[in-house]
Amino acid sequence: HHLFMNGALMSADDGSISVIAGQAFGGGGVINWSASLLT
């Protein structure tokens, strides 16, 4: 409820993919997994 956009319950219109996005002070950097890969 507090750290994800739309309660981590956002899906494409056809229901085929669930989209998990951060919504927190600090953004996705609060809830990501530390992976730091260069382009």
Full PDB file with SEQRES, HELIX, SHEET, SSBOND, CRYST1, ORIGX, SCALE, CONECT and MASTER records, all heavy atoms in Angstrom:
SEQRES   1 A   39  HIS HIS LEU PHE MET ASN GLY ALA LEU MET SER ALA ASP          
SEQRES   2 A   39  ASP GLY SER ILE SER VAL ILE ALA GLY GLN ALA PHE GLY          
SEQRES   3 A   39  GLY GLY GLY VAL ILE ASN TRP SER ALA SER LEU LEU THR          
HELIX    1 AA1 MET A    5  ALA A    8  5                                   4    
HELIX    2 AA2 GLY A   27  VAL A   30  5                                   4    
SHEET    1 AA1 2 MET A  10  SER A  11  0                                        
SHEET    2 AA1 2 SER A  18  VAL A  19 -1                                        
CRYST1    1.000    1.000    1.000  90.00  90.00  90.00 P 1           1          
ORIGX1      1.000000  0.000000  0.000000        0.00000                         
ORIGX2      0.000000  1.000000  0.000000        0.00000                         
ORIGX3      0.000000  0.000000  1.000000        0.00000                         
SCALE1      1.000000  0.000000  0.000000        0.00000                         
SCALE2      0.000000  1.000000  0.000000        0.00000                         
SCALE3      0.000000  0.000000  1.000000        0.00000                         
ATOM      1  N   HIS A   1       0.818  -1.212   0.000  1.00  0.00           N  
ATOM      2  CA  HIS A   1       0.000   0.000   0.000  1.00  0.00           C  
ATOM      3  C   HIS A   1       0.856   1.267   0.000  1.00  0.00           C  
ATOM      4  O   HIS A   1       0.497   2.262  -0.628  1.00  0.00           O  
ATOM      5  CB  HIS A   1      -0.917   0.022   1.223  1.00  0.00           C  
ATOM      6  CG  HIS A   1      -1.962  -1.037   1.227  1.00  0.00           C  
ATOM      7  ND1 HIS A   1      -3.016  -1.038   0.334  1.00  0.00           N  
ATOM      8  CD2 HIS A   1      -2.129  -2.134   2.003  1.00  0.00           C  
ATOM      9  CE1 HIS A   1      -3.790  -2.092   0.567  1.00  0.00           C  
ATOM     10  NE2 HIS A   1      -3.268  -2.769   1.576  1.00  0.00           N  
ATOM     11  N   HIS A   2       1.973   1.254   0.724  1.00  0.00           N  
ATOM     12  CA  HIS A   2       2.723   2.478   0.965  1.00  0.00           C  
ATOM     13  C   HIS A   2       3.908   2.686   0.031  1.00  0.00           C  
ATOM     14  O   HIS A   2       4.401   3.808  -0.082  1.00  0.00           O  
ATOM     15  CB  HIS A   2       3.230   2.499   2.402  1.00  0.00           C  
ATOM     16  CG  HIS A   2       2.136   2.569   3.420  1.00  0.00           C  
ATOM     17  ND1 HIS A   2       1.250   3.621   3.496  1.00  0.00           N  
ATOM     18  CD2 HIS A   2       1.769   1.712   4.398  1.00  0.00           C  
ATOM     19  CE1 HIS A   2       0.393   3.405   4.477  1.00  0.00           C  
ATOM     20  NE2 HIS A   2       0.684   2.258   5.037  1.00  0.00           N  
ATOM     21  N   LEU A   3       4.392   1.633  -0.613  1.00  0.00           N  
ATOM     22  CA  LEU A   3       5.641   1.739  -1.353  1.00  0.00           C  
ATOM     23  C   LEU A   3       5.504   1.493  -2.851  1.00  0.00           C  
ATOM     24  O   LEU A   3       6.484   1.642  -3.587  1.00  0.00           O  
ATOM     25  CB  LEU A   3       6.672   0.753  -0.779  1.00  0.00           C  
ATOM     26  CG  LEU A   3       6.989   0.921   0.711  1.00  0.00           C  
ATOM     27  CD1 LEU A   3       7.965  -0.164   1.166  1.00  0.00           C  
ATOM     28  CD2 LEU A   3       7.548   2.294   1.012  1.00  0.00           C  
ATOM     29  N   PHE A   4       4.308   1.109  -3.294  1.00  0.00           N  
ATOM     30  CA  PHE A   4       4.122   0.746  -4.699  1.00  0.00           C  
ATOM     31  C   PHE A   4       2.960   1.518  -5.304  1.00  0.00           C  
ATOM     32  O   PHE A   4       1.953   1.783  -4.646  1.00  0.00           O  
ATOM     33  CB  PHE A   4       3.848  -0.760  -4.836  1.00  0.00           C  
ATOM     34  CG  PHE A   4       5.013  -1.628  -4.454  1.00  0.00           C  
ATOM     35  CD1 PHE A   4       5.209  -1.994  -3.138  1.00  0.00           C  
ATOM     36  CD2 PHE A   4       5.912  -2.066  -5.408  1.00  0.00           C  
ATOM     37  CE1 PHE A   4       6.281  -2.794  -2.772  1.00  0.00           C  
ATOM     38  CE2 PHE A   4       6.978  -2.864  -5.060  1.00  0.00           C  
ATOM     39  CZ  PHE A   4       7.171  -3.235  -3.735  1.00  0.00           C  
ATOM     40  N   MET A   5       3.125   1.859  -6.557  1.00  0.00           N  
ATOM     41  CA  MET A   5       2.046   2.520  -7.286  1.00  0.00           C  
ATOM     42  C   MET A   5       0.837   1.609  -7.392  1.00  0.00           C  
ATOM     43  O   MET A   5       0.972   0.410  -7.694  1.00  0.00           O  
ATOM     44  CB  MET A   5       2.542   2.905  -8.685  1.00  0.00           C  
ATOM     45  CG  MET A   5       1.587   3.777  -9.483  1.00  0.00           C  
ATOM     46  SD  MET A   5       2.230   4.082 -11.156  1.00  0.00           S  
ATOM     47  CE  MET A   5       3.801   4.852 -10.762  1.00  0.00           C  
ATOM     48  N   ASN A   6      -0.316   2.173  -7.095  1.00  0.00           N  
ATOM     49  CA  ASN A   6      -1.576   1.433  -7.236  1.00  0.00           C  
ATOM     50  C   ASN A   6      -1.570   0.142  -6.425  1.00  0.00           C  
ATOM     51  O   ASN A   6      -2.165  -0.859  -6.814  1.00  0.00           O  
ATOM     52  CB  ASN A   6      -1.861   1.129  -8.716  1.00  0.00           C  
ATOM     53  CG  ASN A   6      -3.353   1.060  -9.012  1.00  0.00           C  
ATOM     54  OD1 ASN A   6      -4.087   1.993  -8.703  1.00  0.00           O  
ATOM     55  ND2 ASN A   6      -3.808  -0.029  -9.591  1.00  0.00           N  
ATOM     56  N   GLY A   7      -0.886   0.168  -5.272  1.00  0.00           N  
ATOM     57  CA  GLY A   7      -0.869  -1.004  -4.408  1.00  0.00           C  
ATOM     58  C   GLY A   7      -0.220  -2.219  -5.021  1.00  0.00           C  
ATOM     59  O   GLY A   7      -0.488  -3.343  -4.612  1.00  0.00           O  
ATOM     60  N   ALA A   8       0.675  -2.015  -6.010  1.00  0.00           N  
ATOM     61  CA  ALA A   8       1.336  -3.095  -6.742  1.00  0.00           C  
ATOM     62  C   ALA A   8       0.329  -3.945  -7.510  1.00  0.00           C  
ATOM     63  O   ALA A   8       0.577  -5.115  -7.795  1.00  0.00           O  
ATOM     64  CB  ALA A   8       2.167  -3.982  -5.806  1.00  0.00           C  
ATOM     65  N   LEU A   9      -0.801  -3.346  -7.870  1.00  0.00           N  
ATOM     66  CA  LEU A   9      -1.871  -4.084  -8.551  1.00  0.00           C  
ATOM     67  C   LEU A   9      -2.294  -3.348  -9.823  1.00  0.00           C  
ATOM     68  O   LEU A   9      -3.442  -2.962  -9.990  1.00  0.00           O  
ATOM     69  CB  LEU A   9      -3.071  -4.262  -7.619  1.00  0.00           C  
ATOM     70  CG  LEU A   9      -2.845  -5.240  -6.475  1.00  0.00           C  
ATOM     71  CD1 LEU A   9      -3.894  -5.061  -5.396  1.00  0.00           C  
ATOM     72  CD2 LEU A   9      -2.869  -6.679  -6.998  1.00  0.00           C  
ATOM     73  N   MET A  10      -1.351  -3.166 -10.721  1.00  0.00           N  
ATOM     74  CA  MET A  10      -1.629  -2.531 -12.003  1.00  0.00           C  
ATOM     75  C   MET A  10      -1.402  -3.555 -13.106  1.00  0.00           C  
ATOM     76  O   MET A  10      -0.352  -4.185 -13.161  1.00  0.00           O  
ATOM     77  CB  MET A  10      -0.722  -1.312 -12.181  1.00  0.00           C  
ATOM     78  CG  MET A  10      -0.958  -0.548 -13.454  1.00  0.00           C  
ATOM     79  SD  MET A  10      -0.221   1.118 -13.451  1.00  0.00           S  
ATOM     80  CE  MET A  10       1.276   0.877 -12.528  1.00  0.00           C  
ATOM     81  N   SER A  11      -2.383  -3.706 -13.974  1.00  0.00           N  
ATOM     82  CA  SER A  11      -2.276  -4.672 -15.064  1.00  0.00           C  
ATOM     83  C   SER A  11      -2.581  -3.993 -16.392  1.00  0.00           C  
ATOM     84  O   SER A  11      -3.288  -2.974 -16.440  1.00  0.00           O  
ATOM     85  CB  SER A  11      -3.250  -5.839 -14.869  1.00  0.00           C  
ATOM     86  OG  SER A  11      -2.915  -6.593 -13.721  1.00  0.00           O  
ATOM     87  N   ALA A  12      -2.051  -4.570 -17.451  1.00  0.00           N  
ATOM     88  CA  ALA A  12      -2.403  -4.100 -18.786  1.00  0.00           C  
ATOM     89  C   ALA A  12      -3.889  -4.326 -19.023  1.00  0.00           C  
ATOM     90  O   ALA A  12      -4.532  -5.150 -18.365  1.00  0.00           O  
ATOM     91  CB  ALA A  12      -1.574  -4.833 -19.836  1.00  0.00           C  
ATOM     92  N   ASP A  13      -4.434  -3.600 -19.978  1.00  0.00           N  
ATOM     93  CA  ASP A  13      -5.866  -3.673 -20.235  1.00  0.00           C  
ATOM     94  C   ASP A  13      -6.338  -5.082 -20.551  1.00  0.00           C  
ATOM     95  O   ASP A  13      -7.458  -5.470 -20.203  1.00  0.00           O  
ATOM     96  CB  ASP A  13      -6.240  -2.736 -21.388  1.00  0.00           C  
ATOM     97  CG  ASP A  13      -6.155  -1.269 -21.002  1.00  0.00           C  
ATOM     98  OD1 ASP A  13      -6.043  -0.966 -19.796  1.00  0.00           O  
ATOM     99  OD2 ASP A  13      -6.182  -0.413 -21.910  1.00  0.00           O  
ATOM    100  N   ASP A  14      -5.501  -5.869 -21.217  1.00  0.00           N  
ATOM    101  CA  ASP A  14      -5.914  -7.234 -21.552  1.00  0.00           C  
ATOM    102  C   ASP A  14      -5.569  -8.227 -20.452  1.00  0.00           C  
ATOM    103  O   ASP A  14      -5.799  -9.434 -20.607  1.00  0.00           O  
ATOM    104  CB  ASP A  14      -5.306  -7.683 -22.888  1.00  0.00           C  
ATOM    105  CG  ASP A  14      -3.783  -7.797 -22.841  1.00  0.00           C  
ATOM    106  OD1 ASP A  14      -3.175  -7.538 -21.783  1.00  0.00           O  
ATOM    107  OD2 ASP A  14      -3.196  -8.163 -23.888  1.00  0.00           O  
ATOM    108  N   GLY A  15      -5.025  -7.752 -19.333  1.00  0.00           N  
ATOM    109  CA  GLY A  15      -4.722  -8.619 -18.196  1.00  0.00           C  
ATOM    110  C   GLY A  15      -3.518  -9.509 -18.382  1.00  0.00           C  
ATOM    111  O   GLY A  15      -3.255 -10.372 -17.540  1.00  0.00           O  
ATOM    112  N   SER A  16      -2.731  -9.301 -19.438  1.00  0.00           N  
ATOM    113  CA  SER A  16      -1.665 -10.251 -19.757  1.00  0.00           C  
ATOM    114  C   SER A  16      -0.355  -9.962 -19.034  1.00  0.00           C  
ATOM    115  O   SER A  16       0.536 -10.812 -19.024  1.00  0.00           O  
ATOM    116  CB  SER A  16      -1.407 -10.261 -21.267  1.00  0.00           C  
ATOM    117  OG  SER A  16      -0.919  -8.992 -21.698  1.00  0.00           O  
ATOM    118  N   ILE A  17      -0.219  -8.768 -18.445  1.00  0.00           N  
ATOM    119  CA  ILE A  17       1.025  -8.447 -17.754  1.00  0.00           C  
ATOM    120  C   ILE A  17       0.708  -7.550 -16.566  1.00  0.00           C  
ATOM    121  O   ILE A  17      -0.095  -6.621 -16.653  1.00  0.00           O  
ATOM    122  CB  ILE A  17       2.058  -7.781 -18.697  1.00  0.00           C  
ATOM    123  CG1 ILE A  17       3.416  -7.614 -17.988  1.00  0.00           C  
ATOM    124  CG2 ILE A  17       1.559  -6.469 -19.262  1.00  0.00           C  
ATOM    125  CD1 ILE A  17       4.560  -7.311 -18.954  1.00  0.00           C  
ATOM    126  N   SER A  18       1.327  -7.863 -15.443  1.00  0.00           N  
ATOM    127  CA  SER A  18       1.189  -7.076 -14.225  1.00  0.00           C  
ATOM    128  C   SER A  18       2.393  -6.155 -14.110  1.00  0.00           C  
ATOM    129  O   SER A  18       3.536  -6.584 -14.288  1.00  0.00           O  
ATOM    130  CB  SER A  18       1.111  -8.008 -13.008  1.00  0.00           C  
ATOM    131  OG  SER A  18       1.006  -7.276 -11.809  1.00  0.00           O  
ATOM    132  N   VAL A  19       2.143  -4.880 -13.829  1.00  0.00           N  
ATOM    133  CA  VAL A  19       3.195  -3.868 -13.802  1.00  0.00           C  
ATOM    134  C   VAL A  19       3.430  -3.423 -12.362  1.00  0.00           C  
ATOM    135  O   VAL A  19       2.523  -2.890 -11.714  1.00  0.00           O  
ATOM    136  CB  VAL A  19       2.814  -2.661 -14.683  1.00  0.00           C  
ATOM    137  CG1 VAL A  19       3.895  -1.593 -14.633  1.00  0.00           C  
ATOM    138  CG2 VAL A  19       2.574  -3.116 -16.124  1.00  0.00           C  
ATOM    139  N   ILE A  20       4.637  -3.658 -11.872  1.00  0.00           N  
ATOM    140  CA  ILE A  20       5.012  -3.308 -10.503  1.00  0.00           C  
ATOM    141  C   ILE A  20       5.937  -2.099 -10.551  1.00  0.00           C  
ATOM    142  O   ILE A  20       7.027  -2.168 -11.130  1.00  0.00           O  
ATOM    143  CB  ILE A  20       5.729  -4.476  -9.797  1.00  0.00           C  
ATOM    144  CG1 ILE A  20       4.926  -5.771  -9.928  1.00  0.00           C  
ATOM    145  CG2 ILE A  20       6.002  -4.127  -8.343  1.00  0.00           C  
ATOM    146  CD1 ILE A  20       3.601  -5.747  -9.239  1.00  0.00           C  
ATOM    147  N   ALA A  21       5.516  -0.984  -9.971  1.00  0.00           N  
ATOM    148  CA  ALA A  21       6.312   0.242  -9.985  1.00  0.00           C  
ATOM    149  C   ALA A  21       6.332   0.851  -8.593  1.00  0.00           C  
ATOM    150  O   ALA A  21       5.323   0.840  -7.881  1.00  0.00           O  
ATOM    151  CB  ALA A  21       5.728   1.246 -10.988  1.00  0.00           C  
ATOM    152  N   GLY A  22       7.476   1.389  -8.206  1.00  0.00           N  
ATOM    153  CA  GLY A  22       7.596   2.013  -6.901  1.00  0.00           C  
ATOM    154  C   GLY A  22       6.896   3.352  -6.855  1.00  0.00           C  
ATOM    155  O   GLY A  22       6.823   4.080  -7.843  1.00  0.00           O  
ATOM    156  N   GLN A  23       6.352   3.666  -5.689  1.00  0.00           N  
ATOM    157  CA  GLN A  23       5.823   5.004  -5.425  1.00  0.00           C  
ATOM    158  C   GLN A  23       6.104   5.298  -3.962  1.00  0.00           C  
ATOM    159  O   GLN A  23       5.316   4.963  -3.074  1.00  0.00           O  
ATOM    160  CB  GLN A  23       4.329   5.102  -5.718  1.00  0.00           C  
ATOM    161  CG  GLN A  23       3.767   6.511  -5.538  1.00  0.00           C  
ATOM    162  CD  GLN A  23       2.339   6.633  -6.015  1.00  0.00           C  
ATOM    163  OE1 GLN A  23       2.061   6.582  -7.215  1.00  0.00           O  
ATOM    164  NE2 GLN A  23       1.414   6.786  -5.087  1.00  0.00           N  
ATOM    165  N   ALA A  24       7.261   5.888  -3.713  1.00  0.00           N  
ATOM    166  CA  ALA A  24       7.734   6.112  -2.357  1.00  0.00           C  
ATOM    167  C   ALA A  24       8.631   7.337  -2.356  1.00  0.00           C  
ATOM    168  O   ALA A  24       9.059   7.805  -3.420  1.00  0.00           O  
ATOM    169  CB  ALA A  24       8.520   4.892  -1.854  1.00  0.00           C  
ATOM    170  N   PHE A  25       8.921   7.880  -1.172  1.00  0.00           N  
ATOM    171  CA  PHE A  25       9.921   8.930  -1.091  1.00  0.00           C  
ATOM    172  C   PHE A  25      11.277   8.251  -1.310  1.00  0.00           C  
ATOM    173  O   PHE A  25      11.751   7.491  -0.490  1.00  0.00           O  
ATOM    174  CB  PHE A  25       9.876   9.622   0.279  1.00  0.00           C  
ATOM    175  CG  PHE A  25      10.842  10.768   0.383  1.00  0.00           C  
ATOM    176  CD1 PHE A  25      10.546  11.986  -0.201  1.00  0.00           C  
ATOM    177  CD2 PHE A  25      12.057  10.624   1.038  1.00  0.00           C  
ATOM    178  CE1 PHE A  25      11.440  13.054  -0.123  1.00  0.00           C  
ATOM    179  CE2 PHE A  25      12.956  11.674   1.127  1.00  0.00           C  
ATOM    180  CZ  PHE A  25      12.642  12.894   0.545  1.00  0.00           C  
ATOM    181  N   GLY A  26      11.881   8.537  -2.449  1.00  0.00           N  
ATOM    182  CA  GLY A  26      13.062   7.801  -2.902  1.00  0.00           C  
ATOM    183  C   GLY A  26      12.755   6.936  -4.099  1.00  0.00           C  
ATOM    184  O   GLY A  26      13.648   6.310  -4.671  1.00  0.00           O  
ATOM    185  N   GLY A  27      11.463   6.881  -4.497  1.00  0.00           N  
ATOM    186  CA  GLY A  27      11.060   6.188  -5.712  1.00  0.00           C  
ATOM    187  C   GLY A  27      11.376   4.709  -5.717  1.00  0.00           C  
ATOM    188  O   GLY A  27      11.408   4.037  -4.680  1.00  0.00           O  
ATOM    189  N   GLY A  28      11.640   4.188  -6.920  1.00  0.00           N  
ATOM    190  CA  GLY A  28      11.950   2.771  -7.071  1.00  0.00           C  
ATOM    191  C   GLY A  28      13.211   2.359  -6.350  1.00  0.00           C  
ATOM    192  O   GLY A  28      13.410   1.170  -6.078  1.00  0.00           O  
ATOM    193  N   GLY A  29      14.077   3.331  -6.012  1.00  0.00           N  
ATOM    194  CA  GLY A  29      15.289   3.010  -5.281  1.00  0.00           C  
ATOM    195  C   GLY A  29      15.033   2.505  -3.880  1.00  0.00           C  
ATOM    196  O   GLY A  29      15.925   1.931  -3.246  1.00  0.00           O  
ATOM    197  N   VAL A  30      13.814   2.698  -3.366  1.00  0.00           N  
ATOM    198  CA  VAL A  30      13.458   2.183  -2.045  1.00  0.00           C  
ATOM    199  C   VAL A  30      13.159   0.689  -2.093  1.00  0.00           C  
ATOM    200  O   VAL A  30      13.471  -0.055  -1.158  1.00  0.00           O  
ATOM    201  CB  VAL A  30      12.238   2.948  -1.474  1.00  0.00           C  
ATOM    202  CG1 VAL A  30      11.755   2.333  -0.160  1.00  0.00           C  
ATOM    203  CG2 VAL A  30      12.577   4.414  -1.271  1.00  0.00           C  
ATOM    204  N   ILE A  31      12.568   0.234  -3.203  1.00  0.00           N  
ATOM    205  CA  ILE A  31      12.066  -1.144  -3.241  1.00  0.00           C  
ATOM    206  C   ILE A  31      12.801  -2.024  -4.255  1.00  0.00           C  
ATOM    207  O   ILE A  31      12.436  -3.189  -4.432  1.00  0.00           O  
ATOM    208  CB  ILE A  31      10.535  -1.175  -3.507  1.00  0.00           C  
ATOM    209  CG1 ILE A  31      10.132  -0.295  -4.714  1.00  0.00           C  
ATOM    210  CG2 ILE A  31       9.800  -0.666  -2.281  1.00  0.00           C  
ATOM    211  CD1 ILE A  31      10.147  -0.956  -6.034  1.00  0.00           C  
ATOM    212  N   ASN A  32      13.826  -1.503  -4.924  1.00  0.00           N  
ATOM    213  CA  ASN A  32      14.529  -2.359  -5.886  1.00  0.00           C  
ATOM    214  C   ASN A  32      15.519  -3.275  -5.171  1.00  0.00           C  
ATOM    215  O   ASN A  32      15.640  -3.243  -3.945  1.00  0.00           O  
ATOM    216  CB  ASN A  32      15.183  -1.538  -7.005  1.00  0.00           C  
ATOM    217  CG  ASN A  32      16.355  -0.694  -6.533  1.00  0.00           C  
ATOM    218  OD1 ASN A  32      16.882  -0.867  -5.436  1.00  0.00           O  
ATOM    219  ND2 ASN A  32      16.772   0.240  -7.365  1.00  0.00           N  
ATOM    220  N   TRP A  33      16.229  -4.081  -5.947  1.00  0.00           N  
ATOM    221  CA  TRP A  33      17.018  -5.177  -5.362  1.00  0.00           C  
ATOM    222  C   TRP A  33      18.518  -4.913  -5.389  1.00  0.00           C  
ATOM    223  O   TRP A  33      19.304  -5.860  -5.363  1.00  0.00           O  
ATOM    224  CB  TRP A  33      16.713  -6.486  -6.094  1.00  0.00           C  
ATOM    225  CG  TRP A  33      15.262  -6.837  -6.132  1.00  0.00           C  
ATOM    226  CD1 TRP A  33      14.255  -6.297  -5.376  1.00  0.00           C  
ATOM    227  CD2 TRP A  33      14.639  -7.805  -6.976  1.00  0.00           C  
ATOM    228  NE1 TRP A  33      13.052  -6.868  -5.698  1.00  0.00           N  
ATOM    229  CE2 TRP A  33      13.258  -7.792  -6.674  1.00  0.00           C  
ATOM    230  CE3 TRP A  33      15.110  -8.677  -7.950  1.00  0.00           C  
ATOM    231  CZ2 TRP A  33      12.352  -8.633  -7.314  1.00  0.00           C  
ATOM    232  CZ3 TRP A  33      14.211  -9.515  -8.593  1.00  0.00           C  
ATOM    233  CH2 TRP A  33      12.845  -9.491  -8.266  1.00  0.00           C  
ATOM    234  N   SER A  34      18.919  -3.666  -5.488  1.00  0.00           N  
ATOM    235  CA  SER A  34      20.334  -3.253  -5.413  1.00  0.00           C  
ATOM    236  C   SER A  34      21.133  -3.518  -6.676  1.00  0.00           C  
ATOM    237  O   SER A  34      22.298  -3.116  -6.761  1.00  0.00           O  
ATOM    238  CB  SER A  34      21.059  -3.923  -4.222  1.00  0.00           C  
ATOM    239  OG  SER A  34      20.483  -3.547  -3.000  1.00  0.00           O  
ATOM    240  N   ALA A  35      20.576  -4.201  -7.654  1.00  0.00           N  
ATOM    241  CA  ALA A  35      21.330  -4.539  -8.864  1.00  0.00           C  
ATOM    242  C   ALA A  35      21.771  -3.273  -9.588  1.00  0.00           C  
ATOM    243  O   ALA A  35      20.951  -2.405  -9.884  1.00  0.00           O  
ATOM    244  CB  ALA A  35      20.493  -5.414  -9.793  1.00  0.00           C  
ATOM    245  N   SER A  36      23.069  -3.183  -9.892  1.00  0.00           N  
ATOM    246  CA  SER A  36      23.646  -1.961 -10.456  1.00  0.00           C  
ATOM    247  C   SER A  36      24.480  -2.303 -11.684  1.00  0.00           C  
ATOM    248  O   SER A  36      25.712  -2.308 -11.652  1.00  0.00           O  
ATOM    249  CB  SER A  36      24.498  -1.252  -9.400  1.00  0.00           C  
ATOM    250  OG  SER A  36      23.731  -0.927  -8.263  1.00  0.00           O  
ATOM    251  N   LEU A  37      23.786  -2.591 -12.772  1.00  0.00           N  
ATOM    252  CA  LEU A  37      24.434  -2.981 -14.020  1.00  0.00           C  
ATOM    253  C   LEU A  37      24.552  -1.775 -14.946  1.00  0.00           C  
ATOM    254  O   LEU A  37      23.594  -1.010 -15.114  1.00  0.00           O  
ATOM    255  CB  LEU A  37      23.640  -4.091 -14.710  1.00  0.00           C  
ATOM    256  CG  LEU A  37      23.655  -5.447 -13.982  1.00  0.00           C  
ATOM    257  CD1 LEU A  37      22.515  -6.326 -14.467  1.00  0.00           C  
ATOM    258  CD2 LEU A  37      24.988  -6.141 -14.189  1.00  0.00           C  
ATOM    259  N   LEU A  38      25.718  -1.616 -15.564  1.00  0.00           N  
ATOM    260  CA  LEU A  38      25.930  -0.519 -16.500  1.00  0.00           C  
ATOM    261  C   LEU A  38      25.223  -0.796 -17.825  1.00  0.00           C  
ATOM    262  O   LEU A  38      25.026  -1.954 -18.217  1.00  0.00           O  
ATOM    263  CB  LEU A  38      27.426  -0.334 -16.761  1.00  0.00           C  
ATOM    264  CG  LEU A  38      28.315   0.001 -15.559  1.00  0.00           C  
ATOM    265  CD1 LEU A  38      29.741   0.275 -16.043  1.00  0.00           C  
ATOM    266  CD2 LEU A  38      27.791   1.193 -14.789  1.00  0.00           C  
ATOM    267  N   THR A  39      24.860   0.280 -18.520  1.00  0.00           N  
ATOM    268  CA  THR A  39      24.286   0.158 -19.856  1.00  0.00           C  
ATOM    269  C   THR A  39      25.291  -0.538 -20.768  1.00  0.00           C  
ATOM    270  O   THR A  39      26.455  -0.139 -20.845  1.00  0.00           O  
ATOM    271  CB  THR A  39      23.984   1.547 -20.436  1.00  0.00           C  
ATOM    272  OG1 THR A  39      23.553   2.416 -19.397  1.00  0.00           O  
ATOM    273  CG2 THR A  39      22.918   1.457 -21.505  1.00  0.00           C  
TER     274      THR A  39                                                      
MASTER        0    0    0    2    2    0    0    6  273    1    0    3          
END                                                                             
